[in-house]
Amino acid sequence: MTRPTPRHAAVANSATTDTSAADSAGRLRVATYNIHKGVRGMGPGKRLEIHNLGMGVQALDADLVFLQEVRLFHHREARQFERTYFGWPAQGQAEFLAPDGYEVAYRTNATTRHGEHGNALLSRYPIGDIGHHDVSDHRFEQRGLLHVPVRWQGVEVHAVVAHLGLMHGSRVRQVQRLADFITSHVPQDAPLVVAGDFNDWGERLDEPMTAGGLRRALLPGARRSLPTFPSRVPVFSLDRIYTRGLRCVDLKVPRGPSWARMSDHLPLLAELVLDR
């Protein structure tokens, strides 16, 4: 797919953006990104950012991209932006954002009056059967887990894309449902990556995630993760990567005006190796 180049999308050349990979032999490069449905702003200032996000995803150069708040379609916004310079994509946002050669998995979490949105995984490597598990805690928030096995360097790595609820009690229950889902659907000895927007403002989910056999991807020796929210002045580490059977050897958050513009979250990018 050949992309147009929006004037705000020079992310790959931004002096404040470091998405360069270290020596990638034996490393799995993973990114998680809440794309805010490809739109920013409100009222007359509302703008379409999905084309810039396409350039951003390419700049990340990740093997696996865990995406949240991804539109399959939205009739009202498609009409609103159809006459803008680049226009609303004809494809679903997951397919539109996928770099050439990547496989795409998408499942809907929430259906609204004008459209629907959910989680997606973009994979440089072959994917297996796509699974989806509803973890909605109440009728006001529709939440789900996207489960995708990926064949990487002769190993089946299980990827789970998560976007947890806005209330702490809901998140705790959703973490328990995640643990139950992993027990039922992921082989015990299989490498596993769970990544997404955990909405954990109070940093209270690491303990229940650890109880479920998952450890948070951190820089070696670090006690806290890198902040990703809000994108203009990041303070909170809402976006997380948890692993089992893999360990983190590098962690980055791209910064700069272009990244701050595209979504209210910044992406989190990790280098993982098998934990042998």
Protein backbone atom coordinates (compact mmCIF):
# COMPACT_ATOMS: atom_id res chain seq x y z
CA MET A 1 0.00 0.00 0.00
CA THR A 2 1.39 3.40 -0.95
CA ARG A 3 0.54 6.07 1.57
CA PRO A 4 0.10 9.78 1.04
CA THR A 5 2.37 11.90 3.23
CA PRO A 6 0.45 14.31 5.47
CA ARG A 7 2.37 17.45 6.26
CA HIS A 8 2.44 16.67 10.01
CA ALA A 9 3.73 13.09 9.61
CA ALA A 10 7.50 13.51 9.45
CA VAL A 11 7.81 11.24 12.46
CA ALA A 12 10.52 9.04 11.05
CA ASN A 13 12.86 12.02 10.74
CA SER A 14 11.94 13.83 13.95
CA ALA A 15 15.03 14.76 15.94
CA THR A 16 13.21 13.94 19.18
CA THR A 17 11.97 10.54 18.02
CA ASP A 18 14.10 7.50 18.76
CA THR A 19 12.52 4.37 17.34
CA SER A 20 15.77 2.84 16.10
CA ALA A 21 16.29 -0.82 16.86
CA ALA A 22 19.31 -2.21 18.59
CA ASP A 23 20.88 -5.44 17.27
CA SER A 24 17.66 -7.28 16.46
CA ALA A 25 19.01 -10.85 16.17
CA GLY A 26 16.85 -13.01 18.43
CA ARG A 27 14.83 -10.01 19.58
CA LEU A 28 11.09 -9.53 19.28
CA ARG A 29 10.24 -5.85 18.84
CA VAL A 30 6.83 -5.09 20.33
CA ALA A 31 4.82 -1.85 20.42
CA THR A 32 1.54 -0.95 22.08
CA TYR A 33 -0.42 2.12 21.03
CA ASN A 34 -3.85 3.54 21.85
CA ILE A 35 -4.68 5.44 18.62
CA HIS A 36 -7.79 7.26 19.94
CA LYS A 37 -9.87 6.07 16.96
CA GLY A 38 -7.67 8.02 14.54
CA VAL A 39 -9.25 11.38 15.40
CA ARG A 40 -8.22 14.23 17.73
CA GLY A 41 -9.90 17.38 19.00
CA MET A 42 -13.50 18.47 19.36
CA GLY A 43 -15.95 20.70 17.53
CA PRO A 44 -14.54 22.82 14.67
CA GLY A 45 -11.01 21.84 15.71
CA LYS A 46 -11.63 18.12 15.26
CA ARG A 47 -9.09 16.62 12.90
CA LEU A 48 -8.35 13.31 11.22
CA GLU A 49 -5.02 11.80 12.31
CA ILE A 50 -5.26 8.28 10.85
CA HIS A 51 -2.94 9.12 7.94
CA ASN A 52 -0.30 10.50 10.30
CA LEU A 53 -0.74 7.41 12.49
CA GLY A 54 0.03 5.25 9.47
CA MET A 55 3.39 6.97 9.17
CA GLY A 56 3.91 6.59 12.91
CA VAL A 57 3.25 2.84 12.87
CA GLN A 58 5.73 2.46 10.02
CA ALA A 59 8.33 4.46 11.96
CA LEU A 60 8.00 2.14 14.97
CA ASP A 61 9.20 -0.77 12.80
CA ALA A 62 7.83 -3.23 15.36
CA ASP A 63 7.36 -6.94 14.73
CA LEU A 64 4.08 -6.87 16.66
CA VAL A 65 1.93 -3.77 17.08
CA PHE A 66 -0.79 -3.97 19.75
CA LEU A 67 -3.46 -1.34 18.96
CA GLN A 68 -6.41 -0.13 21.01
CA GLU A 69 -9.39 2.09 20.10
CA VAL A 70 -9.27 1.01 16.47
CA ARG A 71 -12.26 1.81 14.25
CA LEU A 72 -13.66 -0.78 11.89
CA PHE A 73 -16.07 1.86 10.62
CA HIS A 74 -17.88 4.97 11.78
CA HIS A 75 -20.49 6.40 9.42
CA ARG A 76 -20.73 9.88 10.94
CA GLU A 77 -16.99 10.55 11.00
CA ALA A 78 -16.57 9.06 7.54
CA ARG A 79 -19.08 11.64 6.25
CA GLN A 80 -17.46 14.43 8.26
CA PHE A 81 -13.98 13.81 6.85
CA GLU A 82 -14.80 12.53 3.36
CA ARG A 83 -14.02 15.91 1.78
CA THR A 84 -10.84 16.58 3.69
CA TYR A 85 -7.58 16.49 1.74
CA PHE A 86 -6.81 12.83 2.38
CA GLY A 87 -10.25 11.65 3.45
CA TRP A 88 -11.54 8.82 5.63
CA PRO A 89 -9.92 5.49 4.67
CA ALA A 90 -12.09 3.03 2.75
CA GLN A 91 -10.62 0.17 4.82
CA GLY A 92 -10.95 -0.53 8.49
CA GLN A 93 -8.27 1.31 10.45
CA ALA A 94 -6.32 -1.84 11.33
CA GLU A 95 -5.90 -2.79 7.68
CA PHE A 96 -5.12 0.81 6.75
CA LEU A 97 -2.39 1.12 9.39
CA ALA A 98 -0.70 -2.20 8.61
CA PRO A 99 2.62 -1.77 6.78
CA ASP A 100 3.10 -3.79 3.60
CA GLY A 101 3.50 -7.50 4.31
CA TYR A 102 2.00 -7.42 7.81
CA GLU A 103 -0.85 -9.71 8.83
CA VAL A 104 -3.83 -8.14 10.60
CA ALA A 105 -6.08 -9.34 13.40
CA TYR A 106 -9.03 -7.22 14.58
CA ARG A 107 -12.03 -7.86 16.79
CA THR A 108 -14.74 -5.44 17.92
CA ASN A 109 -15.10 -4.54 21.58
CA ALA A 110 -17.75 -1.82 21.44
CA THR A 111 -20.65 -1.10 19.12
CA THR A 112 -22.12 2.40 19.11
CA ARG A 113 -24.83 4.22 17.19
CA HIS A 114 -22.60 5.18 14.27
CA GLY A 115 -19.95 2.47 14.25
CA GLU A 116 -17.72 0.18 16.23
CA HIS A 117 -14.18 -0.06 17.57
CA GLY A 118 -11.92 -2.61 19.21
CA ASN A 119 -8.42 -4.03 19.49
CA ALA A 120 -6.04 -5.02 16.70
CA LEU A 121 -2.71 -6.75 16.24
CA LEU A 122 -0.40 -6.06 13.29
CA SER A 123 2.19 -8.80 12.83
CA ARG A 124 5.31 -9.08 10.69
CA TYR A 125 5.13 -12.84 11.30
CA PRO A 126 2.43 -15.43 10.41
CA ILE A 127 -0.55 -15.51 12.74
CA GLY A 128 -2.83 -18.35 13.78
CA ASP A 129 -6.50 -18.51 14.74
CA ILE A 130 -7.81 -15.22 16.11
CA GLY A 131 -9.69 -15.33 19.41
CA HIS A 132 -11.76 -12.78 21.29
CA HIS A 133 -12.95 -12.83 24.90
CA ASP A 134 -15.46 -10.38 26.34
CA VAL A 135 -14.31 -8.97 29.70
CA SER A 136 -16.92 -6.21 30.03
CA ASP A 137 -17.58 -5.52 33.68
CA HIS A 138 -20.77 -3.47 33.27
CA ARG A 139 -23.02 -2.28 30.48
CA PHE A 140 -21.48 1.20 30.24
CA GLU A 141 -18.03 -0.07 29.15
CA GLN A 142 -17.61 -2.74 26.49
CA ARG A 143 -14.17 -4.34 26.83
CA GLY A 144 -12.50 -7.36 25.28
CA LEU A 145 -9.26 -9.29 24.89
CA LEU A 146 -7.86 -10.06 21.44
CA HIS A 147 -5.83 -13.29 21.39
CA VAL A 148 -3.51 -14.09 18.49
CA PRO A 149 -0.83 -16.82 18.31
CA VAL A 150 2.19 -15.68 16.25
CA ARG A 151 4.90 -17.88 14.71
CA TRP A 152 8.23 -16.18 15.46
CA GLN A 153 11.59 -17.78 14.68
CA GLY A 154 10.18 -21.28 15.07
CA VAL A 155 8.40 -20.47 18.34
CA GLU A 156 4.68 -19.86 18.88
CA VAL A 157 4.30 -16.64 20.84
CA HIS A 158 0.83 -15.83 22.15
CA ALA A 159 -0.20 -12.17 21.92
CA VAL A 160 -3.11 -10.70 23.89
CA VAL A 161 -4.24 -7.11 23.24
CA ALA A 162 -6.00 -5.58 26.25
CA HIS A 163 -7.84 -2.35 27.02
CA LEU A 164 -9.11 -2.34 30.60
CA GLY A 165 -11.87 -0.34 32.26
CA LEU A 166 -11.93 3.11 33.81
CA MET A 167 -12.73 1.97 37.36
CA HIS A 168 -10.21 0.19 39.55
CA GLY A 169 -12.65 -2.49 40.70
CA SER A 170 -13.47 -3.29 37.08
CA ARG A 171 -9.79 -3.54 36.22
CA VAL A 172 -9.09 -5.96 39.07
CA ARG A 173 -11.92 -8.22 37.92
CA GLN A 174 -10.74 -7.96 34.32
CA VAL A 175 -7.22 -8.98 35.33
CA GLN A 176 -8.69 -12.06 36.98
CA ARG A 177 -10.65 -12.86 33.82
CA LEU A 178 -7.46 -12.36 31.83
CA ALA A 179 -5.68 -14.86 34.09
CA ASP A 180 -8.53 -17.35 33.67
CA PHE A 181 -8.45 -16.84 29.89
CA ILE A 182 -4.69 -17.46 29.75
CA THR A 183 -5.04 -20.64 31.83
CA SER A 184 -7.71 -21.93 29.45
CA HIS A 185 -6.33 -20.81 26.08
CA VAL A 186 -2.53 -20.43 26.28
CA PRO A 187 -0.24 -23.45 26.76
CA GLN A 188 1.62 -23.18 30.07
CA ASP A 189 5.07 -23.32 28.46
CA ALA A 190 4.30 -20.90 25.59
CA PRO A 191 5.87 -17.41 25.52
CA LEU A 192 3.19 -14.78 26.09
CA VAL A 193 2.91 -11.02 25.60
CA VAL A 194 -0.04 -9.07 27.03
CA ALA A 195 0.01 -5.42 26.03
CA GLY A 196 -2.35 -2.48 25.82
CA ASP A 197 -3.92 0.39 27.71
CA PHE A 198 -4.43 -0.73 31.31
CA ASN A 199 -5.89 2.58 32.57
CA ASP A 200 -4.04 1.91 35.83
CA TRP A 201 -3.63 5.47 37.12
CA GLY A 202 -2.70 4.35 40.63
CA GLU A 203 -0.07 1.73 39.66
CA ARG A 204 -2.02 -1.01 41.43
CA LEU A 205 -2.21 -3.79 38.85
CA ASP A 206 1.34 -5.14 38.85
CA GLU A 207 0.66 -7.34 41.89
CA PRO A 208 -2.40 -9.14 40.46
CA MET A 209 -0.67 -9.42 37.06
CA THR A 210 2.37 -10.98 38.76
CA ALA A 211 0.08 -13.37 40.62
CA GLY A 212 -1.14 -14.46 37.20
CA GLY A 213 2.41 -15.28 36.10
CA LEU A 214 3.09 -12.08 34.14
CA ARG A 215 5.86 -9.55 34.70
CA ARG A 216 5.94 -6.00 33.49
CA ALA A 217 8.43 -4.99 30.81
CA LEU A 218 10.82 -2.50 32.40
CA LEU A 219 14.27 -1.21 31.59
CA PRO A 220 16.88 -3.39 33.29
CA GLY A 221 17.27 -2.12 36.85
CA ALA A 222 14.26 0.22 36.65
CA ARG A 223 11.39 0.16 39.16
CA ARG A 224 8.92 2.22 37.12
CA SER A 225 7.88 2.12 33.48
CA LEU A 226 8.09 5.02 31.05
CA PRO A 227 5.13 7.46 31.04
CA THR A 228 2.92 7.54 27.93
CA PHE A 229 -0.08 9.68 28.92
CA PRO A 230 -1.02 12.41 28.21
CA SER A 231 1.03 12.54 25.04
CA ARG A 232 1.96 16.24 25.22
CA VAL A 233 3.35 16.05 28.77
CA PRO A 234 3.42 12.36 29.73
CA VAL A 235 3.06 11.64 33.44
CA PHE A 236 1.20 8.32 33.73
CA SER A 237 2.32 4.86 32.59
CA LEU A 238 -1.07 3.67 31.39
CA ASP A 239 0.30 1.73 28.43
CA ARG A 240 2.00 -1.48 29.49
CA ILE A 241 3.65 -4.62 28.19
CA TYR A 242 3.59 -7.75 30.36
CA THR A 243 5.37 -10.98 29.48
CA ARG A 244 5.78 -14.63 30.37
CA GLY A 245 8.69 -16.62 28.97
CA LEU A 246 10.22 -13.44 27.54
CA ARG A 247 12.24 -10.68 29.16
CA CYS A 248 12.68 -7.03 28.30
CA VAL A 249 16.14 -5.84 27.23
CA ASP A 250 15.17 -2.37 26.00
CA LEU A 251 12.23 0.01 26.37
CA LYS A 252 11.47 3.29 24.59
CA VAL A 253 8.73 5.89 24.28
CA PRO A 254 8.95 8.02 21.11
CA ARG A 255 8.62 11.72 21.88
CA GLY A 256 8.20 14.94 19.93
CA PRO A 257 5.51 17.22 18.47
CA SER A 258 4.40 14.77 15.78
CA TRP A 259 3.82 11.97 18.28
CA ALA A 260 2.05 14.31 20.69
CA ARG A 261 -0.33 15.39 17.94
CA MET A 262 -1.46 11.97 16.70
CA SER A 263 -3.11 10.55 19.84
CA ASP A 264 -3.60 11.36 23.52
CA HIS A 265 -1.30 8.39 24.23
CA LEU A 266 2.30 7.81 23.17
CA PRO A 267 3.36 4.37 21.97
CA LEU A 268 5.47 2.11 24.17
CA LEU A 269 8.15 0.09 22.37
CA ALA A 270 10.01 -2.90 23.84
CA GLU A 271 12.73 -5.30 22.75
CA LEU A 272 12.09 -8.81 24.10
CA VAL A 273 14.18 -11.99 24.12
CA LEU A 274 13.28 -15.52 25.08
CA ASP A 275 13.80 -16.12 28.81
CA ARG A 276 15.78 -19.32 28.72
